[in-house]
Amino acid sequence: MTNHRPFSIGTSFAPRLALCLGLVLCAGTSSCVTTNLETGENVPRGEQRYPWEKVKEYAKKLQNGMNKSQVLLTMGSPAEKDDGGDLWIYLPERYAILVPAEALRLEFKDNALVDFGYRPIVLGAQL
């Protein structure tokens, strides 16, 4: 007589399955972008004033030492700010779940722009 064990999924398989299902669900929503029904254009994320293509164009005018008002007039409002208002993030319309993208990060100290540059976004998270 052969001893048969019922089929069971190992405990290490469950987290992998959950991750795969999560990625599949995210993939379905990653292509979802809010679109202006009148113009058909993608709507910027969060509080961001301008679409990503304009942000990249306007970013060429940034210079260290600019104050927040000058940056706001140049770039428009960012998608995200930290609680202190010293870290501003501009984001593309898509969430970069499947295809890596980039975000523009601006850092202020004493109301002056001290650092700015593009940072990668992979699987929806800024690095």
C-alpha atoms as a PDB file:
ATOM      1  CA  MET A   1       0.000   0.000   0.000  1.00  0.00           C
ATOM      2  CA  THR A   2       1.403   3.380  -1.022  1.00  0.00           C
ATOM      3  CA  ASN A   3       1.167   6.334   1.299  1.00  0.00           C
ATOM      4  CA  HIS A   4      -0.256   9.280  -0.685  1.00  0.00           C
ATOM      5  CA  ARG A   5      -0.245  12.765   0.680  1.00  0.00           C
ATOM      6  CA  PRO A   6      -2.879  15.208  -0.481  1.00  0.00           C
ATOM      7  CA  PHE A   7      -1.609  17.944  -2.791  1.00  0.00           C
ATOM      8  CA  SER A   8      -0.626  21.040  -0.866  1.00  0.00           C
ATOM      9  CA  ILE A   9       0.874  24.357  -1.817  1.00  0.00           C
ATOM     10  CA  GLY A  10       3.987  25.166   0.177  1.00  0.00           C
ATOM     11  CA  THR A  11       4.066  28.250   2.343  1.00  0.00           C
ATOM     12  CA  SER A  12       6.695  29.862   0.105  1.00  0.00           C
ATOM     13  CA  PHE A  13       4.353  29.626  -2.887  1.00  0.00           C
ATOM     14  CA  ALA A  14       1.549  31.718  -1.364  1.00  0.00           C
ATOM     15  CA  PRO A  15       3.510  35.003  -1.201  1.00  0.00           C
ATOM     16  CA  ARG A  16       4.664  34.511  -4.792  1.00  0.00           C
ATOM     17  CA  LEU A  17       1.122  33.888  -5.914  1.00  0.00           C
ATOM     18  CA  ALA A  18      -0.076  37.005  -4.091  1.00  0.00           C
ATOM     19  CA  LEU A  19       2.684  39.068  -5.721  1.00  0.00           C
ATOM     20  CA  CYS A  20       1.806  37.745  -9.177  1.00  0.00           C
ATOM     21  CA  LEU A  21      -1.883  38.455  -8.674  1.00  0.00           C
ATOM     22  CA  GLY A  22      -1.041  41.938  -7.400  1.00  0.00           C
ATOM     23  CA  LEU A  23       1.081  42.655 -10.465  1.00  0.00           C
ATOM     24  CA  VAL A  24      -1.665  41.434 -12.766  1.00  0.00           C
ATOM     25  CA  LEU A  25      -4.203  43.660 -11.044  1.00  0.00           C
ATOM     26  CA  CYS A  26      -1.822  46.612 -11.165  1.00  0.00           C
ATOM     27  CA  ALA A  27      -1.142  45.958 -14.827  1.00  0.00           C
ATOM     28  CA  GLY A  28      -4.823  46.300 -15.498  1.00  0.00           C
ATOM     29  CA  THR A  29      -4.943  49.665 -13.789  1.00  0.00           C
ATOM     30  CA  SER A  30      -1.568  50.954 -14.972  1.00  0.00           C
ATOM     31  CA  SER A  31      -2.976  51.818 -18.341  1.00  0.00           C
ATOM     32  CA  CYS A  32      -5.787  53.740 -16.693  1.00  0.00           C
ATOM     33  CA  VAL A  33      -5.060  57.424 -16.842  1.00  0.00           C
ATOM     34  CA  THR A  34      -7.526  60.177 -16.099  1.00  0.00           C
ATOM     35  CA  THR A  35      -8.425  61.821 -19.391  1.00  0.00           C
ATOM     36  CA  ASN A  36     -10.130  65.129 -20.032  1.00  0.00           C
ATOM     37  CA  LEU A  37     -13.303  64.111 -21.856  1.00  0.00           C
ATOM     38  CA  GLU A  38     -13.494  67.383 -23.790  1.00  0.00           C
ATOM     39  CA  THR A  39      -9.892  67.530 -25.038  1.00  0.00           C
ATOM     40  CA  GLY A  40      -8.862  63.867 -24.836  1.00  0.00           C
ATOM     41  CA  GLU A  41      -5.628  64.891 -23.077  1.00  0.00           C
ATOM     42  CA  ASN A  42      -4.251  63.087 -20.031  1.00  0.00           C
ATOM     43  CA  VAL A  43      -4.861  64.944 -16.782  1.00  0.00           C
ATOM     44  CA  PRO A  44      -1.781  65.543 -14.594  1.00  0.00           C
ATOM     45  CA  ARG A  45      -1.646  63.663 -11.283  1.00  0.00           C
ATOM     46  CA  GLY A  46      -2.321  65.170  -7.880  1.00  0.00           C
ATOM     47  CA  GLU A  47      -2.108  68.948  -7.760  1.00  0.00           C
ATOM     48  CA  GLN A  48       0.292  69.144 -10.699  1.00  0.00           C
ATOM     49  CA  ARG A  49      -0.589  72.059 -12.955  1.00  0.00           C
ATOM     50  CA  TYR A  50       0.992  70.981 -16.250  1.00  0.00           C
ATOM     51  CA  PRO A  51       1.282  67.678 -18.114  1.00  0.00           C
ATOM     52  CA  TRP A  52       4.600  65.807 -17.935  1.00  0.00           C
ATOM     53  CA  GLU A  53       5.834  66.941 -21.355  1.00  0.00           C
ATOM     54  CA  LYS A  54       5.435  70.606 -20.352  1.00  0.00           C
ATOM     55  CA  VAL A  55       7.090  69.921 -16.969  1.00  0.00           C
ATOM     56  CA  LYS A  56      10.164  68.528 -18.717  1.00  0.00           C
ATOM     57  CA  GLU A  57      10.274  71.566 -20.994  1.00  0.00           C
ATOM     58  CA  TYR A  58       9.899  74.067 -18.139  1.00  0.00           C
ATOM     59  CA  ALA A  59      12.460  72.212 -15.980  1.00  0.00           C
ATOM     60  CA  LYS A  60      15.200  73.379 -18.357  1.00  0.00           C
ATOM     61  CA  LYS A  61      14.715  76.860 -16.863  1.00  0.00           C
ATOM     62  CA  LEU A  62      15.343  75.751 -13.256  1.00  0.00           C
ATOM     63  CA  GLN A  63      18.401  77.094 -11.439  1.00  0.00           C
ATOM     64  CA  ASN A  64      19.669  76.529  -7.929  1.00  0.00           C
ATOM     65  CA  GLY A  65      18.917  79.543  -5.751  1.00  0.00           C
ATOM     66  CA  MET A  66      15.461  80.218  -7.215  1.00  0.00           C
ATOM     67  CA  ASN A  67      12.875  80.804  -4.492  1.00  0.00           C
ATOM     68  CA  LYS A  68       9.632  78.840  -4.271  1.00  0.00           C
ATOM     69  CA  SER A  69       7.592  81.605  -5.905  1.00  0.00           C
ATOM     70  CA  GLN A  70       9.939  81.728  -8.884  1.00  0.00           C
ATOM     71  CA  VAL A  71       9.791  77.941  -9.250  1.00  0.00           C
ATOM     72  CA  LEU A  72       6.002  77.986  -8.952  1.00  0.00           C
ATOM     73  CA  LEU A  73       5.755  80.632 -11.687  1.00  0.00           C
ATOM     74  CA  THR A  74       8.134  78.631 -13.883  1.00  0.00           C
ATOM     75  CA  MET A  75       6.867  75.103 -13.274  1.00  0.00           C
ATOM     76  CA  GLY A  76       3.343  75.414 -11.936  1.00  0.00           C
ATOM     77  CA  SER A  77       2.259  73.467  -8.882  1.00  0.00           C
ATOM     78  CA  PRO A  78       3.799  70.016  -8.241  1.00  0.00           C
ATOM     79  CA  ALA A  79       1.903  66.748  -7.982  1.00  0.00           C
ATOM     80  CA  GLU A  80       3.155  66.185  -4.417  1.00  0.00           C
ATOM     81  CA  LYS A  81       4.799  68.157  -1.604  1.00  0.00           C
ATOM     82  CA  ASP A  82       6.131  66.998   1.732  1.00  0.00           C
ATOM     83  CA  ASP A  83       4.562  68.360   4.923  1.00  0.00           C
ATOM     84  CA  GLY A  84       7.202  71.085   5.266  1.00  0.00           C
ATOM     85  CA  GLY A  85       6.840  72.159   1.647  1.00  0.00           C
ATOM     86  CA  ASP A  86      10.566  71.703   0.979  1.00  0.00           C
ATOM     87  CA  LEU A  87      10.332  68.659  -1.291  1.00  0.00           C
ATOM     88  CA  TRP A  88       8.324  68.930  -4.492  1.00  0.00           C
ATOM     89  CA  ILE A  89       7.642  66.065  -6.904  1.00  0.00           C
ATOM     90  CA  TYR A  90       6.414  66.353 -10.485  1.00  0.00           C
ATOM     91  CA  LEU A  91       5.070  63.119 -11.975  1.00  0.00           C
ATOM     92  CA  PRO A  92       4.161  61.695 -15.368  1.00  0.00           C
ATOM     93  CA  GLU A  93       0.514  60.890 -15.980  1.00  0.00           C
ATOM     94  CA  ARG A  94       1.114  57.123 -16.011  1.00  0.00           C
ATOM     95  CA  TYR A  95       1.981  55.247 -12.821  1.00  0.00           C
ATOM     96  CA  ALA A  96       5.071  53.342 -14.128  1.00  0.00           C
ATOM     97  CA  ILE A  97       3.877  49.943 -12.945  1.00  0.00           C
ATOM     98  CA  LEU A  98       5.060  47.921 -15.938  1.00  0.00           C
ATOM     99  CA  VAL A  99       7.269  50.424 -17.744  1.00  0.00           C
ATOM    100  CA  PRO A 100       9.800  52.368 -15.661  1.00  0.00           C
ATOM    101  CA  ALA A 101       9.495  56.140 -15.788  1.00  0.00           C
ATOM    102  CA  GLU A 102      10.954  59.136 -14.011  1.00  0.00           C
ATOM    103  CA  ALA A 103       9.839  61.855 -11.638  1.00  0.00           C
ATOM    104  CA  LEU A 104      11.250  65.339 -11.220  1.00  0.00           C
ATOM    105  CA  ARG A 105      12.303  65.986  -7.613  1.00  0.00           C
ATOM    106  CA  LEU A 106      12.979  69.502  -6.303  1.00  0.00           C
ATOM    107  CA  GLU A 107      14.457  70.184  -2.876  1.00  0.00           C
ATOM    108  CA  PHE A 108      14.354  73.543  -1.117  1.00  0.00           C
ATOM    109  CA  LYS A 109      16.226  74.832   1.914  1.00  0.00           C
ATOM    110  CA  ASP A 110      15.401  78.198   3.481  1.00  0.00           C
ATOM    111  CA  ASN A 111      13.009  78.910   0.567  1.00  0.00           C
ATOM    112  CA  ALA A 112      15.791  78.431  -2.024  1.00  0.00           C
ATOM    113  CA  LEU A 113      16.056  75.627  -4.563  1.00  0.00           C
ATOM    114  CA  VAL A 114      19.155  73.622  -3.577  1.00  0.00           C
ATOM    115  CA  ASP A 115      18.784  70.423  -5.620  1.00  0.00           C
ATOM    116  CA  PHE A 116      16.691  69.156  -8.508  1.00  0.00           C
ATOM    117  CA  GLY A 117      16.795  66.273 -10.916  1.00  0.00           C
ATOM    118  CA  TYR A 118      15.052  63.270 -12.348  1.00  0.00           C
ATOM    119  CA  ARG A 119      14.629  60.125 -10.256  1.00  0.00           C
ATOM    120  CA  PRO A 120      13.519  56.724 -11.550  1.00  0.00           C
ATOM    121  CA  ILE A 121      10.089  55.262 -10.825  1.00  0.00           C
ATOM    122  CA  VAL A 122       9.985  51.460 -10.950  1.00  0.00           C
ATOM    123  CA  LEU A 123       6.889  49.379 -10.164  1.00  0.00           C
ATOM    124  CA  GLY A 124       5.110  52.570  -9.160  1.00  0.00           C
ATOM    125  CA  ALA A 125       7.663  53.490  -6.458  1.00  0.00           C
ATOM    126  CA  GLN A 126      10.129  56.354  -6.608  1.00  0.00           C
ATOM    127  CA  LEU A 127      13.709  55.267  -6.014  1.00  0.00           C
END
